[in-house]
Amino acid sequence: MNRVRVSGALINFFLWICVGCVLVLVLNHTSAAASEPQTWNFDRDDLSRMPPGFQIGTLFDGRPAGDWRVIETDKAVSSSHVLAQLQGKGAEHAYKLILIQGTESRDIDLSVKLLPVEGKADMGGGLIWRAGDDRNYYLVRANPLEQNVRLYHVTKGVRRMIKNVDQIIDVRQWHHLRVQMRGCQVQVFFDAQPIMSLCDETFQNGRVGLWTKSDAVTYFDDLRLEIDP
């Protein structure tokens, strides 16, 4: 009888170990899946349209925030398609932006390649993250007219600069803009070089997107998002 009880206890013990191992494997697989990067190179998207899941914002007067669409160009980084903001006119505070559905996140590694094409009042563009909507978000943008990269938070449609870094930005070539944020800690990279690091707690969660301003015409390619699980 004692042997039977001992054997039963051992079987139950090993069963619980097996169940635990399965749970660990499932959790590890879920975490790995959650951290799989999302990429958009726009090469399979229809021309003259917005990519699926991309949602255009509105300007302060209620009009669509720019003319965003996929175009074909020999200037593309990968294949021949890019996402372009083509509206080459706008007021000083006309923020042309798009947000991407299904990208709600807190801790991220977000990057894009951008090509400044035209602009007299403004030029270049940037990345948006932790956006609650098109009036509230973090923004890092590169401007070749001013030769700087700046980090902002935009609250109720009003920009407030957090940090400025003077930076040589060649209008004849593509540039790589990248931001990492974990908790309050923000790190910004320009052309693979770290240029700023700081803590800010304005926004806690939200979508990612792309941004230009005023009369800036800009091409974007190879957008990449990795969400920390």
Protein backbone atom coordinates (compact mmCIF):
# COMPACT_ATOMS: atom_id res chain seq x y z
CA MET A 1 0.00 0.00 0.00
CA ASN A 2 2.79 2.43 0.90
CA ARG A 3 4.53 1.69 -2.38
CA VAL A 4 1.34 2.45 -4.28
CA ARG A 5 0.93 5.78 -2.45
CA VAL A 6 4.56 6.71 -3.06
CA SER A 7 4.29 5.85 -6.74
CA GLY A 8 1.10 7.93 -7.07
CA ALA A 9 2.78 10.89 -5.37
CA LEU A 10 5.77 10.62 -7.71
CA ILE A 11 3.51 10.47 -10.76
CA ASN A 12 1.64 13.57 -9.60
CA PHE A 13 4.94 15.34 -8.92
CA PHE A 14 6.26 14.63 -12.41
CA LEU A 15 2.92 15.60 -13.96
CA TRP A 16 3.11 18.99 -12.26
CA ILE A 17 6.68 19.42 -13.54
CA CYS A 18 5.52 18.66 -17.09
CA VAL A 19 2.64 21.10 -16.81
CA GLY A 20 5.04 23.77 -15.55
CA CYS A 21 7.42 23.16 -18.44
CA VAL A 22 4.58 23.47 -20.95
CA LEU A 23 3.45 26.75 -19.37
CA VAL A 24 6.99 28.13 -19.52
CA LEU A 25 7.27 27.19 -23.20
CA VAL A 26 3.91 28.79 -24.00
CA LEU A 27 4.79 31.99 -22.15
CA ASN A 28 8.19 32.18 -23.84
CA HIS A 29 6.59 31.67 -27.23
CA THR A 30 4.00 34.38 -26.51
CA SER A 31 6.70 36.83 -25.40
CA ALA A 32 8.78 36.11 -28.48
CA ALA A 33 5.75 36.61 -30.72
CA ALA A 34 4.89 39.88 -29.00
CA SER A 35 8.37 41.25 -29.65
CA GLU A 36 8.51 40.33 -33.35
CA PRO A 37 9.30 43.56 -35.22
CA GLN A 38 6.80 45.04 -37.66
CA THR A 39 8.19 46.52 -40.86
CA TRP A 40 6.70 48.59 -43.66
CA ASN A 41 8.65 49.08 -46.90
CA PHE A 42 5.49 49.89 -48.93
CA ASP A 43 6.67 47.80 -51.91
CA ARG A 44 3.47 45.71 -52.01
CA ASP A 45 1.11 48.59 -51.29
CA ASP A 46 -1.11 50.08 -53.99
CA LEU A 47 0.18 53.27 -55.58
CA SER A 48 -1.56 56.59 -54.86
CA ARG A 49 -3.20 55.21 -51.72
CA MET A 50 -2.54 55.11 -48.01
CA PRO A 51 -1.14 51.78 -46.76
CA PRO A 52 -3.63 49.59 -44.86
CA GLY A 53 -3.95 50.60 -41.20
CA PHE A 54 -2.46 54.07 -41.73
CA GLN A 55 -4.80 56.81 -40.58
CA ILE A 56 -4.34 60.45 -41.54
CA GLY A 57 -4.78 63.12 -38.86
CA THR A 58 -6.52 66.47 -39.17
CA LEU A 59 -5.13 69.99 -39.28
CA PHE A 60 -6.17 72.67 -36.82
CA ASP A 61 -8.88 73.80 -39.27
CA GLY A 62 -10.28 70.28 -39.72
CA ARG A 63 -8.77 69.50 -43.14
CA PRO A 64 -6.80 66.25 -43.71
CA ALA A 65 -3.26 66.55 -42.36
CA GLY A 66 -1.41 66.38 -45.65
CA ASP A 67 -1.43 64.41 -48.87
CA TRP A 68 0.01 61.05 -47.83
CA ARG A 69 0.26 58.24 -50.37
CA VAL A 70 2.47 55.48 -51.73
CA ILE A 71 4.39 56.52 -54.83
CA GLU A 72 6.93 54.93 -57.15
CA THR A 73 10.34 56.59 -57.40
CA ASP A 74 13.87 55.71 -58.39
CA LYS A 75 14.95 57.35 -55.12
CA ALA A 76 13.45 54.53 -52.99
CA VAL A 77 15.71 52.73 -50.53
CA SER A 78 14.17 49.29 -51.10
CA SER A 79 12.57 48.41 -54.43
CA SER A 80 10.67 51.36 -55.94
CA HIS A 81 7.89 52.37 -53.51
CA VAL A 82 7.96 54.94 -50.71
CA LEU A 83 5.35 56.60 -48.53
CA ALA A 84 5.34 60.30 -49.41
CA GLN A 85 3.85 63.45 -47.91
CA LEU A 86 3.30 65.50 -51.05
CA GLN A 87 1.37 68.57 -49.92
CA GLY A 88 3.93 71.31 -50.54
CA LYS A 89 2.13 74.15 -48.82
CA GLY A 90 0.84 74.88 -45.36
CA ALA A 91 0.87 77.28 -42.44
CA GLU A 92 3.64 77.37 -39.84
CA HIS A 93 1.72 75.16 -37.43
CA ALA A 94 0.23 72.81 -40.02
CA TYR A 95 1.35 69.43 -38.69
CA LYS A 96 1.01 66.78 -41.41
CA LEU A 97 0.80 63.40 -39.71
CA ILE A 98 -0.40 59.83 -39.91
CA LEU A 99 -0.92 57.27 -37.13
CA ILE A 100 -0.84 53.49 -37.53
CA GLN A 101 -3.68 51.41 -36.15
CA GLY A 102 -2.80 48.40 -34.00
CA THR A 103 0.51 49.84 -32.76
CA GLU A 104 -0.57 50.83 -29.23
CA SER A 105 2.53 50.40 -27.09
CA ARG A 106 4.63 51.76 -24.26
CA ASP A 107 8.23 50.56 -24.67
CA ILE A 108 9.41 50.63 -28.28
CA ASP A 109 12.26 50.67 -30.74
CA LEU A 110 11.03 52.72 -33.71
CA SER A 111 12.95 53.80 -36.81
CA VAL A 112 12.49 55.10 -40.35
CA LYS A 113 14.51 56.25 -43.32
CA LEU A 114 13.55 59.68 -44.61
CA LEU A 115 14.50 61.80 -47.60
CA PRO A 116 13.91 65.59 -47.51
CA VAL A 117 12.62 66.49 -50.97
CA GLU A 118 11.27 70.05 -50.91
CA GLY A 119 10.40 72.88 -48.56
CA LYS A 120 11.14 76.54 -48.06
CA ALA A 121 9.45 77.28 -44.73
CA ASP A 122 10.11 73.78 -43.37
CA MET A 123 11.76 70.57 -44.48
CA GLY A 124 12.33 66.99 -43.36
CA GLY A 125 10.12 65.03 -40.99
CA GLY A 126 10.03 62.67 -38.07
CA LEU A 127 8.60 59.90 -35.91
CA ILE A 128 5.60 59.91 -33.56
CA TRP A 129 5.06 57.50 -30.66
CA ARG A 130 2.87 57.05 -27.56
CA ALA A 131 0.19 58.98 -29.44
CA GLY A 132 -3.20 59.06 -27.75
CA ASP A 133 -4.54 60.84 -30.85
CA ASP A 134 -3.36 63.33 -33.47
CA ARG A 135 -3.09 66.09 -30.85
CA ASN A 136 -1.11 64.30 -28.15
CA TYR A 137 2.17 62.47 -28.78
CA TYR A 138 5.95 62.40 -28.59
CA LEU A 139 7.79 63.63 -31.69
CA VAL A 140 11.39 63.55 -32.89
CA ARG A 141 12.06 65.32 -36.15
CA ALA A 142 15.05 66.17 -38.36
CA ASN A 143 15.09 69.52 -40.21
CA PRO A 144 17.82 70.16 -42.83
CA LEU A 145 16.88 73.84 -43.12
CA GLU A 146 17.71 74.37 -39.45
CA GLN A 147 20.38 71.64 -39.39
CA ASN A 148 19.08 70.12 -36.18
CA VAL A 149 17.18 67.23 -34.63
CA ARG A 150 14.61 68.08 -31.98
CA LEU A 151 12.55 66.10 -29.50
CA TYR A 152 9.10 67.43 -28.56
CA HIS A 153 5.96 66.50 -26.78
CA VAL A 154 2.76 67.74 -28.41
CA THR A 155 -0.11 68.29 -25.98
CA LYS A 156 -3.54 69.38 -27.24
CA GLY A 157 -1.90 70.28 -30.55
CA VAL A 158 0.76 72.53 -29.01
CA ARG A 159 4.45 71.61 -29.36
CA ARG A 160 6.89 72.00 -26.52
CA MET A 161 10.56 71.30 -27.23
CA ILE A 162 12.30 68.92 -24.83
CA LYS A 163 15.76 68.90 -26.41
CA ASN A 164 17.63 70.28 -29.45
CA VAL A 165 20.78 68.83 -31.03
CA ASP A 166 22.56 70.61 -33.90
CA GLN A 167 23.15 68.09 -36.67
CA ILE A 168 24.48 68.16 -40.23
CA ILE A 169 21.64 66.94 -42.46
CA ASP A 170 22.37 66.53 -46.18
CA VAL A 171 19.29 67.13 -48.35
CA ARG A 172 20.76 65.02 -51.13
CA GLN A 173 20.56 61.71 -49.27
CA TRP A 174 18.41 59.46 -47.11
CA HIS A 175 18.80 59.62 -43.35
CA HIS A 176 18.01 57.07 -40.66
CA LEU A 177 16.07 58.34 -37.63
CA ARG A 178 15.54 56.03 -34.66
CA VAL A 179 14.09 56.32 -31.18
CA GLN A 180 14.04 53.88 -28.26
CA MET A 181 11.84 54.48 -25.22
CA ARG A 182 11.57 52.29 -22.14
CA GLY A 183 9.74 53.69 -19.16
CA CYS A 184 10.67 57.37 -19.06
CA GLN A 185 14.04 56.90 -20.75
CA VAL A 186 14.31 58.19 -24.34
CA GLN A 187 17.27 57.60 -26.65
CA VAL A 188 17.47 59.13 -30.12
CA PHE A 189 19.82 58.05 -32.93
CA PHE A 190 20.55 59.83 -36.21
CA ASP A 191 22.32 57.94 -38.97
CA ALA A 192 23.23 55.23 -36.43
CA GLN A 193 24.84 57.71 -34.01
CA PRO A 194 23.35 58.34 -30.54
CA ILE A 195 22.56 62.05 -30.22
CA MET A 196 20.36 62.41 -27.12
CA SER A 197 19.30 60.55 -24.00
CA LEU A 198 16.91 61.80 -21.30
CA CYS A 199 13.88 61.04 -19.14
CA ASP A 200 10.36 62.32 -19.78
CA GLU A 201 7.05 61.14 -18.34
CA THR A 202 4.48 63.13 -20.34
CA PHE A 203 2.89 60.17 -22.15
CA GLN A 204 2.62 56.55 -21.08
CA ASN A 205 1.14 54.67 -24.04
CA GLY A 206 -0.16 55.09 -27.58
CA ARG A 207 0.26 54.56 -31.31
CA VAL A 208 3.20 55.33 -33.59
CA GLY A 209 3.23 57.39 -36.77
CA LEU A 210 5.02 59.77 -39.13
CA TRP A 211 5.12 63.58 -39.24
CA THR A 212 6.02 66.57 -41.40
CA LYS A 213 5.19 70.27 -41.07
CA SER A 214 4.16 73.28 -43.14
CA ASP A 215 5.37 72.98 -46.78
CA ALA A 216 7.80 70.08 -46.29
CA VAL A 217 7.61 67.35 -48.94
CA THR A 218 9.25 64.20 -47.59
CA TYR A 219 9.67 60.53 -48.57
CA PHE A 220 9.66 57.75 -45.97
CA ASP A 221 10.84 54.16 -46.36
CA ASP A 222 11.69 51.08 -44.27
CA LEU A 223 9.62 51.98 -41.23
CA ARG A 224 10.31 49.51 -38.40
CA LEU A 225 8.64 49.01 -35.01
CA GLU A 226 9.67 46.63 -32.27
CA ILE A 227 7.50 46.56 -29.14
CA ASP A 228 9.00 45.35 -25.89
CA PRO A 229 6.76 42.69 -24.32
